[in-house]
Amino acid sequence: MKSSTKDKAEGKFHKVKGKIKEIAGKVSMNPDLEAEGKDEKKTGKIQEKIGEIKKIVGK
């Protein structure tokens, strides 16, 4: 698997995982879990963008 494809796939995974944590935190009224979910979602978005950039650059 190409590095760019791997980064994009892992980024999407982290975005989904972060969204689930964020919702679980809201439902259980756990602000720490909600914040952790938001952070992981942001990390996933960044990793996904890195994958897109690698694809454009050709790495």
C-alpha atoms as a PDB file:
ATOM      1  CA  MET A   1       0.000   0.000   0.000  1.00  0.00           C
ATOM      2  CA  LYS A   2       1.308   3.429  -0.926  1.00  0.00           C
ATOM      3  CA  SER A   3       2.217   5.799   1.870  1.00  0.00           C
ATOM      4  CA  SER A   4      -0.336   8.361   0.709  1.00  0.00           C
ATOM      5  CA  THR A   5      -3.141   5.790   0.604  1.00  0.00           C
ATOM      6  CA  LYS A   6      -2.179   4.484   4.034  1.00  0.00           C
ATOM      7  CA  ASP A   7      -2.211   7.996   5.529  1.00  0.00           C
ATOM      8  CA  LYS A   8      -5.605   8.752   3.994  1.00  0.00           C
ATOM      9  CA  ALA A   9      -7.088   5.472   5.269  1.00  0.00           C
ATOM     10  CA  GLU A  10      -5.678   5.914   8.771  1.00  0.00           C
ATOM     11  CA  GLY A  11      -6.882   9.517   8.792  1.00  0.00           C
ATOM     12  CA  LYS A  12     -10.434   8.457   7.962  1.00  0.00           C
ATOM     13  CA  PHE A  13     -10.271   5.776  10.664  1.00  0.00           C
ATOM     14  CA  HIS A  14      -9.174   8.324  13.284  1.00  0.00           C
ATOM     15  CA  LYS A  15     -11.886  10.766  12.187  1.00  0.00           C
ATOM     16  CA  VAL A  16     -14.585   8.120  12.657  1.00  0.00           C
ATOM     17  CA  LYS A  17     -13.102   6.901  15.944  1.00  0.00           C
ATOM     18  CA  GLY A  18     -12.905  10.499  17.191  1.00  0.00           C
ATOM     19  CA  LYS A  19     -16.521  11.166  16.238  1.00  0.00           C
ATOM     20  CA  ILE A  20     -17.637   8.055  18.142  1.00  0.00           C
ATOM     21  CA  LYS A  21     -15.680   9.133  21.228  1.00  0.00           C
ATOM     22  CA  GLU A  22     -17.097  12.646  20.963  1.00  0.00           C
ATOM     23  CA  ILE A  23     -20.680  11.344  20.827  1.00  0.00           C
ATOM     24  CA  ALA A  24     -20.027   8.868  23.655  1.00  0.00           C
ATOM     25  CA  GLY A  25     -18.619  11.703  25.749  1.00  0.00           C
ATOM     26  CA  LYS A  26     -21.707  13.843  25.132  1.00  0.00           C
ATOM     27  CA  VAL A  27     -24.117  10.998  25.916  1.00  0.00           C
ATOM     28  CA  SER A  28     -22.294   9.959  29.088  1.00  0.00           C
ATOM     29  CA  MET A  29     -21.678  13.602  30.078  1.00  0.00           C
ATOM     30  CA  ASN A  30     -17.945  12.951  30.157  1.00  0.00           C
ATOM     31  CA  PRO A  31     -16.221  16.153  28.940  1.00  0.00           C
ATOM     32  CA  ASP A  32     -12.780  14.480  28.951  1.00  0.00           C
ATOM     33  CA  LEU A  33     -13.903  11.756  26.530  1.00  0.00           C
ATOM     34  CA  GLU A  34     -15.667  14.344  24.374  1.00  0.00           C
ATOM     35  CA  ALA A  35     -12.496  16.468  24.198  1.00  0.00           C
ATOM     36  CA  GLU A  36     -10.389  13.395  23.423  1.00  0.00           C
ATOM     37  CA  GLY A  37     -12.762  12.579  20.574  1.00  0.00           C
ATOM     38  CA  LYS A  38     -12.527  16.088  19.153  1.00  0.00           C
ATOM     39  CA  ASP A  39      -8.721  15.949  19.294  1.00  0.00           C
ATOM     40  CA  GLU A  40      -8.603  12.562  17.582  1.00  0.00           C
ATOM     41  CA  LYS A  41     -10.997  13.789  14.893  1.00  0.00           C
ATOM     42  CA  LYS A  42      -8.717  16.775  14.206  1.00  0.00           C
ATOM     43  CA  THR A  43      -5.679  14.497  14.097  1.00  0.00           C
ATOM     44  CA  GLY A  44      -7.476  12.306  11.580  1.00  0.00           C
ATOM     45  CA  LYS A  45      -8.258  15.276   9.361  1.00  0.00           C
ATOM     46  CA  ILE A  46      -4.614  16.343   9.424  1.00  0.00           C
ATOM     47  CA  GLN A  47      -3.366  12.843   8.614  1.00  0.00           C
ATOM     48  CA  GLU A  48      -5.850  12.574   5.764  1.00  0.00           C
ATOM     49  CA  LYS A  49      -4.604  15.886   4.315  1.00  0.00           C
ATOM     50  CA  ILE A  50      -1.002  14.659   4.592  1.00  0.00           C
ATOM     51  CA  GLY A  51      -2.000  11.634   2.513  1.00  0.00           C
ATOM     52  CA  GLU A  52      -3.560  13.885  -0.121  1.00  0.00           C
ATOM     53  CA  ILE A  53      -0.427  16.035  -0.264  1.00  0.00           C
ATOM     54  CA  LYS A  54       1.808  12.959  -0.595  1.00  0.00           C
ATOM     55  CA  LYS A  55      -0.339  11.765  -3.491  1.00  0.00           C
ATOM     56  CA  ILE A  56       0.037  15.117  -5.260  1.00  0.00           C
ATOM     57  CA  VAL A  57       3.797  15.254  -4.651  1.00  0.00           C
ATOM     58  CA  GLY A  58       4.144  11.636  -5.703  1.00  0.00           C
ATOM     59  CA  LYS A  59       5.549   9.983  -2.584  1.00  0.00           C
END
